[in-house]
């Protein structure tokens, strides 16, 4: 880290100086001005993690209005995998802006939407015939995946899992497990949504994947009935719920049961998709082929876009006009998505995610060896977490988690927490971050643990 007297350059992209630099305390005076304006103008329910006013970002840093340069270990919650201002994305979006901004695909179609659908059909797991539909947000895509599954099966019930997070709309709040801040006081929620136990190796008492799946399937069969179940929806690695990686065999067993019982298996890859875990999609790590896969976040370099991709017979079951939306598959977002996918491919970012994962897992396991408060290190690729606990009891330690995050923020590192119990620190760096910045950021977290 450097301490300087003058503001940093605010030029984004590759020209942005890749360093942690603190000019003022966090927040600085200019950022505090914006926080005051936010309090007076923005609904209180719209929170923020860091009280800064961002003016530039790229590579592995975010620069605020006071000239502070922070190491980015959050990627806007796994969105900016290709960086915040990837050159191909900037060029493609600029060209599309100069052509047209909107026609509404369901009124007068354009090639970009079709090209994105073709690419998703090609990249997602499985060699079966597929179709895709585009939307704006992850929650919107999840809602449409459920709609499609219900229409196809002529059944209504849906099963989600413990620790799940699927969004903030009414149906997706019902699917989401965590009450505060996502659900409390916002009900009633959509009916025919049920919850099954997840495989959570750190807290499952040695239950293996097949055993955990049998536990979930028994609950589904006894409490809901396969004859009533339209879909199972699950994140291959839980996101907001704590970066929980199910034990090997859990996901394949669920897929096998779903296929045998005419239940649509939906993989919510909103956070895990697009190179994040060291594969194009996290489903690949377990060798599963979802009937339907939901994507968003890393799909378009920061522009709002999401998708539902699935087996042709399932996706085509909805009536013409049953899917869509005014902004769904925006031409600008589609241009960004095509350039983003090209960047993942051409810049070797799937492999880069594996390299980042090696650094994260190695360094964090070394910390864990010396610090029993780190109960677990888990994750894949550039999606890794530590779970902080009371070393005597194993109980979740949310207070320690908050202290470490606060220390990181004050010392120039953007760090996110998660978990049902609020005791998980998650690492989601952009895939464009350098090893030097990544290691420096981890050093700040280590110091935060020591100070706490």
Protein backbone atom coordinates (compact mmCIF):
# COMPACT_ATOMS: atom_id res chain seq x y z
CA UNK A 1 0.00 0.00 0.00
CA UNK A 2 1.11 3.55 -0.69
CA UNK A 3 0.09 6.69 1.17
CA UNK A 4 0.00 9.78 -1.05
CA UNK A 5 -1.17 13.37 -0.93
CA UNK A 6 -2.79 13.67 -4.35
CA UNK A 7 -5.84 11.96 -5.83
CA UNK A 8 -5.38 8.97 -8.09
CA UNK A 9 -6.13 9.06 -11.79
CA UNK A 10 -9.76 8.35 -12.56
CA UNK A 11 -9.06 6.69 -15.89
CA UNK A 12 -10.68 3.24 -16.00
CA UNK A 13 -9.54 0.07 -17.71
CA UNK A 14 -5.96 -1.10 -18.13
CA UNK A 15 -4.53 2.42 -17.56
CA UNK A 16 -5.82 2.46 -13.99
CA UNK A 17 -2.94 2.15 -11.53
CA UNK A 18 -3.13 -1.28 -9.93
CA UNK A 19 -2.32 -0.57 -6.30
CA UNK A 20 -3.91 -0.21 -2.89
CA UNK A 21 -3.61 3.44 -1.94
CA UNK A 22 -5.16 5.35 0.94
CA UNK A 23 -5.22 9.12 0.66
CA UNK A 24 -7.86 9.70 3.34
CA UNK A 25 -9.70 7.70 5.93
CA UNK A 26 -12.58 5.59 4.58
CA UNK A 27 -14.87 7.36 3.93
CA UNK A 28 -13.11 10.51 2.79
CA UNK A 29 -14.83 13.90 2.69
CA UNK A 30 -16.10 13.61 -0.89
CA UNK A 31 -17.48 10.16 -0.28
CA UNK A 32 -19.10 11.37 2.91
CA UNK A 33 -20.84 14.11 0.92
CA UNK A 34 -22.41 11.45 -1.27
CA UNK A 35 -23.41 9.38 1.77
CA UNK A 36 -25.21 12.42 3.16
CA UNK A 37 -27.00 12.93 -0.16
CA UNK A 38 -27.88 9.23 -0.28
CA UNK A 39 -29.44 9.37 3.18
CA UNK A 40 -31.61 12.29 2.10
CA UNK A 41 -32.63 10.92 -1.31
CA UNK A 42 -32.47 7.11 -1.37
CA UNK A 43 -34.81 4.75 0.48
CA UNK A 44 -33.26 3.52 3.72
CA UNK A 45 -33.81 -0.09 2.68
CA UNK A 46 -31.18 0.31 -0.05
CA UNK A 47 -28.04 -0.31 1.99
CA UNK A 48 -24.36 -0.31 1.12
CA UNK A 49 -21.31 -2.25 2.25
CA UNK A 50 -18.70 0.51 1.97
CA UNK A 51 -19.44 4.25 2.40
CA UNK A 52 -17.49 5.33 -0.69
CA UNK A 53 -18.29 7.21 -3.89
CA UNK A 54 -16.80 5.28 -6.80
CA UNK A 55 -15.39 7.21 -9.76
CA UNK A 56 -13.37 4.50 -11.56
CA UNK A 57 -12.69 0.78 -11.45
CA UNK A 58 -10.79 -1.80 -13.43
CA UNK A 59 -8.33 -4.65 -13.19
CA UNK A 60 -8.40 -5.41 -9.48
CA UNK A 61 -9.06 -1.98 -7.95
CA UNK A 62 -11.87 0.48 -7.29
CA UNK A 63 -11.07 4.22 -6.97
CA UNK A 64 -13.22 6.61 -4.95
CA UNK A 65 -13.83 10.34 -5.23
CA UNK A 66 -11.15 11.09 -2.63
CA UNK A 67 -8.46 9.29 -4.61
CA UNK A 68 -8.38 6.15 -2.49
CA UNK A 69 -7.67 2.99 -4.48
CA UNK A 70 -9.16 -0.15 -2.91
CA UNK A 71 -8.40 -3.78 -3.73
CA UNK A 72 -11.56 -5.36 -5.10
CA UNK A 73 -12.34 -8.78 -3.62
CA UNK A 74 -16.05 -8.54 -4.39
CA UNK A 75 -16.48 -7.94 -8.16
CA UNK A 76 -19.81 -6.21 -7.53
CA UNK A 77 -21.01 -9.56 -6.09
CA UNK A 78 -19.46 -11.77 -8.79
CA UNK A 79 -20.53 -9.57 -11.71
CA UNK A 80 -17.33 -8.07 -13.09
CA UNK A 81 -15.42 -11.26 -13.80
CA UNK A 82 -13.85 -9.68 -16.90
CA UNK A 83 -13.14 -6.45 -15.00
CA UNK A 84 -15.17 -3.27 -14.63
CA UNK A 85 -14.28 -1.77 -18.00
CA UNK A 86 -13.10 -4.63 -20.22
CA UNK A 87 -11.97 -3.17 -23.58
CA UNK A 88 -14.04 -5.55 -25.73
CA UNK A 89 -17.15 -4.79 -23.68
CA UNK A 90 -16.63 -1.03 -23.86
CA UNK A 91 -16.12 -1.20 -27.64
CA UNK A 92 -19.14 -3.43 -28.25
CA UNK A 93 -21.46 -1.35 -26.07
CA UNK A 94 -20.28 1.89 -27.70
CA UNK A 95 -20.98 0.48 -31.16
CA UNK A 96 -24.44 -0.71 -30.15
CA UNK A 97 -25.25 2.68 -28.59
CA UNK A 98 -24.45 4.29 -31.92
CA UNK A 99 -26.73 1.84 -33.77
CA UNK A 100 -29.83 1.76 -31.53
CA UNK A 101 -30.60 1.45 -27.83
CA UNK A 102 -33.95 -0.34 -27.87
CA UNK A 103 -36.73 -1.78 -30.01
CA UNK A 104 -38.07 -4.49 -27.64
CA UNK A 105 -37.19 -7.94 -28.93
CA UNK A 106 -40.80 -9.11 -28.66
CA UNK A 107 -41.84 -6.29 -31.00
CA UNK A 108 -39.02 -6.18 -33.56
CA UNK A 109 -36.18 -8.69 -33.01
CA UNK A 110 -32.45 -8.12 -33.53
CA UNK A 111 -29.46 -10.38 -34.03
CA UNK A 112 -27.73 -9.74 -30.70
CA UNK A 113 -30.43 -11.51 -28.69
CA UNK A 114 -30.35 -14.55 -30.98
CA UNK A 115 -26.53 -14.65 -30.90
CA UNK A 116 -26.49 -14.64 -27.08
CA UNK A 117 -29.07 -17.45 -27.02
CA UNK A 118 -26.98 -19.47 -29.47
CA UNK A 119 -23.87 -19.00 -27.34
CA UNK A 120 -25.67 -20.01 -24.14
CA UNK A 121 -27.07 -23.12 -25.82
CA UNK A 122 -23.53 -24.01 -26.86
CA UNK A 123 -21.75 -23.31 -23.55
CA UNK A 124 -24.14 -24.69 -20.94
CA UNK A 125 -23.77 -28.35 -19.86
CA UNK A 126 -25.22 -31.10 -22.05
CA UNK A 127 -25.29 -31.80 -25.78
CA UNK A 128 -29.09 -32.01 -26.04
CA UNK A 129 -31.12 -29.53 -28.07
CA UNK A 130 -31.63 -26.33 -26.07
CA UNK A 131 -33.47 -23.04 -26.15
CA UNK A 132 -32.78 -19.82 -24.22
CA UNK A 133 -34.83 -16.81 -23.14
CA UNK A 134 -33.27 -13.58 -21.90
CA UNK A 135 -34.33 -11.36 -19.00
CA UNK A 136 -32.92 -8.53 -16.88
CA UNK A 137 -32.02 -9.86 -13.42
CA UNK A 138 -31.23 -13.14 -11.73
CA UNK A 139 -34.48 -13.06 -9.76
CA UNK A 140 -36.50 -12.45 -12.92
CA UNK A 141 -34.80 -15.40 -14.60
CA UNK A 142 -35.48 -17.65 -11.59
CA UNK A 143 -39.16 -16.68 -11.66
CA UNK A 144 -39.35 -17.53 -15.35
CA UNK A 145 -37.57 -20.85 -14.86
CA UNK A 146 -40.23 -21.78 -12.29
CA UNK A 147 -43.01 -20.59 -14.63
CA UNK A 148 -41.65 -22.73 -17.45
CA UNK A 149 -41.24 -25.81 -15.24
CA UNK A 150 -44.78 -25.53 -13.93
CA UNK A 151 -46.20 -25.07 -17.42
CA UNK A 152 -44.24 -28.04 -18.77
CA UNK A 153 -45.02 -30.50 -15.96
CA UNK A 154 -48.56 -29.31 -15.21
CA UNK A 155 -47.52 -29.50 -11.53
CA UNK A 156 -47.15 -26.69 -9.01
CA UNK A 157 -44.87 -27.49 -6.07
CA UNK A 158 -41.25 -26.31 -6.04
CA UNK A 159 -38.44 -27.38 -3.70
CA UNK A 160 -35.58 -25.10 -2.70
CA UNK A 161 -32.92 -25.85 -0.09
CA UNK A 162 -31.66 -24.70 3.27
CA UNK A 163 -29.34 -21.66 3.01
CA UNK A 164 -30.64 -20.88 -0.50
CA UNK A 165 -30.68 -17.43 -2.03
CA UNK A 166 -32.64 -16.92 -5.24
CA UNK A 167 -33.66 -13.25 -5.19
CA UNK A 168 -35.80 -10.47 -3.70
CA UNK A 169 -39.05 -10.66 -5.70
CA UNK A 170 -42.08 -12.28 -4.10
CA UNK A 171 -41.59 -15.78 -5.50
CA UNK A 172 -37.82 -15.71 -5.10
CA UNK A 173 -38.12 -14.44 -1.51
CA UNK A 174 -40.16 -17.56 -0.85
CA UNK A 175 -37.36 -19.67 -2.32
CA UNK A 176 -34.71 -17.78 -0.33
CA UNK A 177 -33.95 -19.18 3.12
CA UNK A 178 -32.52 -16.22 5.03
CA UNK A 179 -35.06 -14.06 6.84
CA UNK A 180 -33.13 -10.85 7.63
CA UNK A 181 -32.69 -8.75 5.60
CA UNK A 182 -34.37 -10.45 2.64
CA UNK A 183 -37.79 -11.59 3.88
CA UNK A 184 -38.68 -10.10 7.23
CA UNK A 185 -42.01 -8.29 7.06
CA UNK A 186 -42.37 -8.65 3.27
CA UNK A 187 -44.80 -11.59 3.19
CA UNK A 188 -47.04 -13.35 2.48
CA UNK A 189 -44.99 -15.22 -0.08
CA UNK A 190 -45.96 -17.29 -3.11
CA UNK A 191 -47.53 -20.67 -2.23
CA UNK A 192 -46.36 -24.19 -3.08
CA UNK A 193 -42.72 -23.51 -2.18
CA UNK A 194 -41.05 -26.07 0.09
CA UNK A 195 -37.60 -26.44 1.62
CA UNK A 196 -35.34 -29.47 1.86
CA UNK A 197 -32.10 -30.00 3.82
CA UNK A 198 -28.85 -29.23 2.02
CA UNK A 199 -25.57 -31.08 2.13
CA UNK A 200 -23.39 -28.84 4.35
CA UNK A 201 -20.17 -30.84 4.95
CA UNK A 202 -18.80 -28.55 7.68
CA UNK A 203 -21.96 -28.95 9.77
CA UNK A 204 -23.34 -32.32 8.62
CA UNK A 205 -21.53 -34.53 11.11
CA UNK A 206 -19.80 -36.62 8.47
CA UNK A 207 -22.84 -37.22 6.24
CA UNK A 208 -21.65 -37.99 2.71
CA UNK A 209 -23.28 -36.64 -0.43
CA UNK A 210 -25.44 -39.64 -1.21
CA UNK A 211 -26.65 -39.87 2.38
CA UNK A 212 -27.49 -36.15 2.43
CA UNK A 213 -29.38 -36.54 -0.86
CA UNK A 214 -31.34 -39.50 0.53
CA UNK A 215 -32.31 -37.37 3.53
CA UNK A 216 -33.60 -34.60 1.23
CA UNK A 217 -35.38 -36.99 -1.12
CA UNK A 218 -37.16 -38.74 1.76
CA UNK A 219 -38.46 -35.40 2.99
CA UNK A 220 -39.62 -34.49 -0.53
CA UNK A 221 -41.39 -37.80 -1.07
CA UNK A 222 -43.07 -37.88 2.34
CA UNK A 223 -44.03 -34.21 2.69
CA UNK A 224 -44.74 -33.15 -0.90
CA UNK A 225 -44.89 -36.14 -3.25
CA UNK A 226 -43.15 -36.39 -6.60
CA UNK A 227 -46.55 -36.40 -8.32
CA UNK A 228 -47.05 -32.80 -7.13
CA UNK A 229 -43.51 -31.49 -7.70
CA UNK A 230 -42.74 -29.37 -10.76
CA UNK A 231 -39.13 -28.51 -10.01
CA UNK A 232 -36.15 -28.71 -7.74
CA UNK A 233 -34.03 -25.54 -7.76
CA UNK A 234 -30.57 -25.37 -6.24
CA UNK A 235 -27.34 -23.39 -6.46
CA UNK A 236 -24.50 -25.87 -7.23
CA UNK A 237 -22.52 -23.85 -4.69
CA UNK A 238 -24.63 -21.77 -2.32
CA UNK A 239 -23.93 -18.06 -2.67
CA UNK A 240 -25.41 -15.75 -0.06
CA UNK A 241 -26.09 -18.81 2.08
CA UNK A 242 -22.38 -19.23 2.81
CA UNK A 243 -20.48 -20.56 -0.25
CA UNK A 244 -21.45 -24.07 0.79
CA UNK A 245 -20.07 -26.74 -1.56
CA UNK A 246 -22.26 -29.85 -1.25
CA UNK A 247 -20.50 -33.15 -0.59
CA UNK A 248 -19.58 -35.16 -3.69
CA UNK A 249 -22.54 -37.18 -4.94
CA UNK A 250 -25.26 -34.94 -3.52
CA UNK A 251 -26.13 -33.11 -6.74
CA UNK A 252 -25.93 -36.18 -9.04
CA UNK A 253 -28.28 -38.09 -6.74
CA UNK A 254 -30.82 -35.27 -6.87
CA UNK A 255 -30.58 -35.13 -10.67
CA UNK A 256 -31.10 -38.89 -10.94
CA UNK A 257 -34.17 -38.75 -8.70
CA UNK A 258 -35.62 -35.76 -10.58
CA UNK A 259 -35.21 -37.46 -13.95
CA UNK A 260 -36.84 -40.65 -12.66
CA UNK A 261 -39.82 -38.72 -11.31
CA UNK A 262 -40.54 -36.21 -14.11
CA UNK A 263 -39.31 -33.30 -12.00
CA UNK A 264 -37.44 -30.44 -13.69
CA UNK A 265 -33.99 -29.94 -12.18
CA UNK A 266 -33.08 -26.23 -12.22
CA UNK A 267 -29.50 -25.14 -11.50
CA UNK A 268 -29.34 -21.54 -10.30
CA UNK A 269 -25.91 -20.51 -11.61
CA UNK A 270 -26.47 -16.78 -11.22
CA UNK A 271 -23.41 -16.43 -8.97
CA UNK A 272 -21.48 -19.55 -9.94
CA UNK A 273 -21.66 -19.23 -13.71
CA UNK A 274 -19.27 -17.81 -16.29
CA UNK A 275 -15.83 -19.00 -15.23
CA UNK A 276 -16.27 -18.00 -11.60
CA UNK A 277 -15.54 -21.48 -10.19
CA UNK A 278 -12.82 -22.48 -12.65
CA UNK A 279 -15.32 -24.00 -15.09
CA UNK A 280 -17.81 -22.30 -17.36
CA UNK A 281 -20.52 -23.47 -14.96
CA UNK A 282 -20.25 -24.99 -11.48
CA UNK A 283 -22.50 -27.90 -12.52
CA UNK A 284 -19.56 -29.21 -14.52
CA UNK A 285 -17.55 -29.97 -11.37
CA UNK A 286 -20.08 -32.67 -10.43
CA UNK A 287 -20.71 -33.78 -14.00
CA UNK A 288 -24.42 -32.95 -13.79
CA UNK A 289 -26.57 -31.77 -16.69
CA UNK A 290 -29.44 -29.60 -15.42
CA UNK A 291 -32.75 -29.61 -17.30
CA UNK A 292 -32.76 -25.82 -16.93
CA UNK A 293 -29.94 -23.47 -15.97
CA UNK A 294 -30.37 -19.88 -14.77
CA UNK A 295 -27.60 -17.34 -15.39
CA UNK A 296 -26.97 -13.63 -14.75
CA UNK A 297 -24.24 -11.64 -12.88
CA UNK A 298 -21.06 -12.48 -14.82
CA UNK A 299 -22.88 -12.79 -18.14
CA UNK A 300 -22.51 -9.24 -19.47
CA UNK A 301 -19.59 -7.44 -17.83
CA UNK A 302 -21.79 -5.39 -15.51
CA UNK A 303 -24.78 -4.66 -17.73
CA UNK A 304 -28.18 -6.02 -16.63
CA UNK A 305 -28.87 -9.32 -18.37
CA UNK A 306 -29.99 -12.78 -17.30
CA UNK A 307 -31.05 -15.95 -19.03
CA UNK A 308 -32.92 -19.22 -18.73
CA UNK A 309 -31.47 -22.02 -20.85
CA UNK A 310 -32.94 -25.49 -20.97
CA UNK A 311 -34.03 -28.56 -22.83
CA UNK A 312 -35.91 -27.58 -25.99
CA UNK A 313 -39.05 -29.51 -25.08
CA UNK A 314 -39.25 -27.77 -21.70
CA UNK A 315 -38.45 -24.27 -22.93
CA UNK A 316 -40.77 -24.52 -25.94
CA UNK A 317 -43.74 -25.61 -23.81
CA UNK A 318 -44.71 -22.03 -22.91
CA UNK A 319 -47.18 -20.38 -25.25
CA UNK A 320 -46.01 -17.65 -27.65
CA UNK A 321 -46.04 -14.39 -25.70
CA UNK A 322 -45.78 -16.19 -22.37
CA UNK A 323 -42.13 -15.19 -21.92
CA UNK A 324 -40.43 -11.84 -22.37
CA UNK A 325 -40.43 -8.31 -21.03
CA UNK A 326 -39.99 -4.78 -22.29
CA UNK A 327 -36.26 -4.60 -21.55
CA UNK A 328 -35.54 -8.34 -21.57
CA UNK A 329 -32.49 -9.04 -23.70
CA UNK A 330 -31.67 -5.37 -24.24
CA UNK A 331 -29.57 -4.88 -27.38
CA UNK A 332 -26.93 -3.05 -25.35
CA UNK A 333 -26.74 -5.82 -22.75
CA UNK A 334 -26.60 -8.44 -25.50
CA UNK A 335 -23.68 -6.65 -27.15
CA UNK A 336 -21.94 -6.58 -23.78
CA UNK A 337 -22.63 -10.28 -23.20
CA UNK A 338 -21.14 -11.36 -26.51
CA UNK A 339 -18.03 -9.29 -25.84
CA UNK A 340 -17.85 -10.59 -22.26
CA UNK A 341 -18.04 -14.23 -23.38
CA UNK A 342 -15.36 -13.53 -25.99
CA UNK A 343 -13.17 -12.05 -23.26
CA UNK A 344 -13.56 -15.13 -21.06
CA UNK A 345 -12.58 -17.28 -24.04
CA UNK A 346 -9.79 -15.22 -25.56
CA UNK A 347 -8.14 -14.14 -22.30
CA UNK A 348 -8.14 -17.59 -20.70
CA UNK A 349 -10.22 -16.50 -17.73
CA UNK A 350 -11.59 -19.96 -16.92
CA UNK A 351 -8.02 -21.07 -16.31
CA UNK A 352 -7.27 -17.81 -14.51
CA UNK A 353 -10.09 -18.55 -12.06
CA UNK A 354 -8.39 -21.85 -11.21
CA UNK A 355 -5.11 -20.02 -10.57
CA UNK A 356 -6.86 -17.51 -8.30
CA UNK A 357 -8.47 -20.42 -6.46
CA UNK A 358 -5.08 -22.01 -5.84
CA UNK A 359 -3.79 -18.78 -4.30
CA UNK A 360 -6.91 -18.30 -2.18
CA UNK A 361 -7.17 -21.87 -0.92
CA UNK A 362 -3.45 -22.11 -0.23
CA UNK A 363 -3.16 -18.85 1.69
CA UNK A 364 -6.42 -19.29 3.59
CA UNK A 365 -5.61 -22.85 4.63
CA UNK A 366 -2.27 -21.60 5.93
CA UNK A 367 -4.16 -19.03 8.02
CA UNK A 368 -6.55 -21.73 9.21
CA UNK A 369 -3.68 -23.90 10.43
CA UNK A 370 -2.55 -21.09 12.71
CA UNK A 371 -5.98 -19.74 13.71
CA UNK A 372 -8.66 -22.12 15.03
CA UNK A 373 -11.30 -19.41 14.64
CA UNK A 374 -11.25 -20.25 10.92
CA UNK A 375 -13.46 -23.31 11.09
CA UNK A 376 -13.61 -24.04 7.37
CA UNK A 377 -12.05 -23.00 4.05
CA UNK A 378 -14.17 -23.95 1.05
CA UNK A 379 -15.04 -23.06 -2.50
CA UNK A 380 -13.88 -23.51 -6.07
CA UNK A 381 -11.92 -21.26 -8.38
CA UNK A 382 -12.40 -17.57 -7.64
CA UNK A 383 -15.37 -18.31 -5.36
CA UNK A 384 -13.89 -19.15 -1.97
CA UNK A 385 -14.91 -18.50 1.64
CA UNK A 386 -13.85 -18.90 5.23
CA UNK A 387 -16.33 -19.69 8.00
CA UNK A 388 -15.45 -18.07 11.34
CA UNK A 389 -16.41 -19.84 14.55
CA UNK A 390 -15.89 -19.99 18.27
CA UNK A 391 -12.97 -22.45 18.42
CA UNK A 392 -14.25 -23.98 21.64
CA UNK A 393 -17.77 -24.77 20.47
CA UNK A 394 -17.80 -24.42 16.68
CA UNK A 395 -20.66 -21.93 17.00
CA UNK A 396 -20.85 -19.28 14.27
CA UNK A 397 -19.02 -16.06 15.16
CA UNK A 398 -20.76 -13.22 13.33
CA UNK A 399 -19.20 -10.57 15.57
CA UNK A 400 -15.67 -11.60 14.58
CA UNK A 401 -16.71 -11.70 10.93
CA UNK A 402 -17.98 -8.14 11.10
CA UNK A 403 -14.81 -6.93 12.83
CA UNK A 404 -12.59 -8.44 10.14
CA UNK A 405 -14.70 -6.99 7.34
CA UNK A 406 -14.69 -3.56 8.98
CA UNK A 407 -10.90 -3.69 9.34
CA UNK A 408 -10.54 -4.62 5.67
CA UNK A 409 -12.78 -1.77 4.54
CA UNK A 410 -10.89 0.77 6.64
CA UNK A 411 -7.60 -0.47 5.20
CA UNK A 412 -8.54 -0.36 1.53
CA UNK A 413 -9.96 -3.80 0.73
CA UNK A 414 -13.49 -4.39 -0.55
CA UNK A 415 -14.65 -7.52 1.26
CA UNK A 416 -18.07 -9.17 1.43
CA UNK A 417 -19.65 -11.32 4.11
CA UNK A 418 -22.46 -13.86 3.78
CA UNK A 419 -23.97 -16.96 5.36
CA UNK A 420 -27.20 -17.78 7.12
CA UNK A 421 -25.43 -17.13 10.43
CA UNK A 422 -23.53 -14.05 9.21
CA UNK A 423 -20.17 -15.69 9.90
CA UNK A 424 -18.72 -16.27 6.43
CA UNK A 425 -16.25 -14.07 4.55
CA UNK A 426 -16.43 -14.59 0.81
CA UNK A 427 -13.75 -13.91 -1.77
CA UNK A 428 -14.98 -13.00 -5.26
CA UNK A 429 -12.12 -11.11 -6.94
CA UNK A 430 -12.39 -10.10 -10.59
CA UNK A 431 -10.60 -12.62 -12.77
CA UNK A 432 -8.44 -9.75 -14.00
CA UNK A 433 -6.83 -9.15 -10.60
CA UNK A 434 -3.08 -9.66 -10.30
CA UNK A 435 -1.58 -12.18 -7.89
CA UNK A 436 0.23 -9.30 -6.17
CA UNK A 437 -2.99 -7.44 -5.37
CA UNK A 438 -4.73 -10.65 -4.36
CA UNK A 439 -1.97 -11.62 -1.94
CA UNK A 440 -1.83 -8.09 -0.53
CA UNK A 441 -5.57 -8.15 0.07
CA UNK A 442 -5.29 -11.48 1.86
CA UNK A 443 -2.56 -9.98 4.01
CA UNK A 444 -4.96 -7.27 5.14
CA UNK A 445 -7.53 -9.92 6.09
CA UNK A 446 -4.85 -11.80 8.04
CA UNK A 447 -3.98 -8.62 9.91
CA UNK A 448 -7.66 -8.00 10.56
CA UNK A 449 -7.98 -11.43 12.12
CA UNK A 450 -4.96 -10.74 14.28
CA UNK A 451 -6.28 -7.37 15.42
CA UNK A 452 -9.71 -8.83 16.19
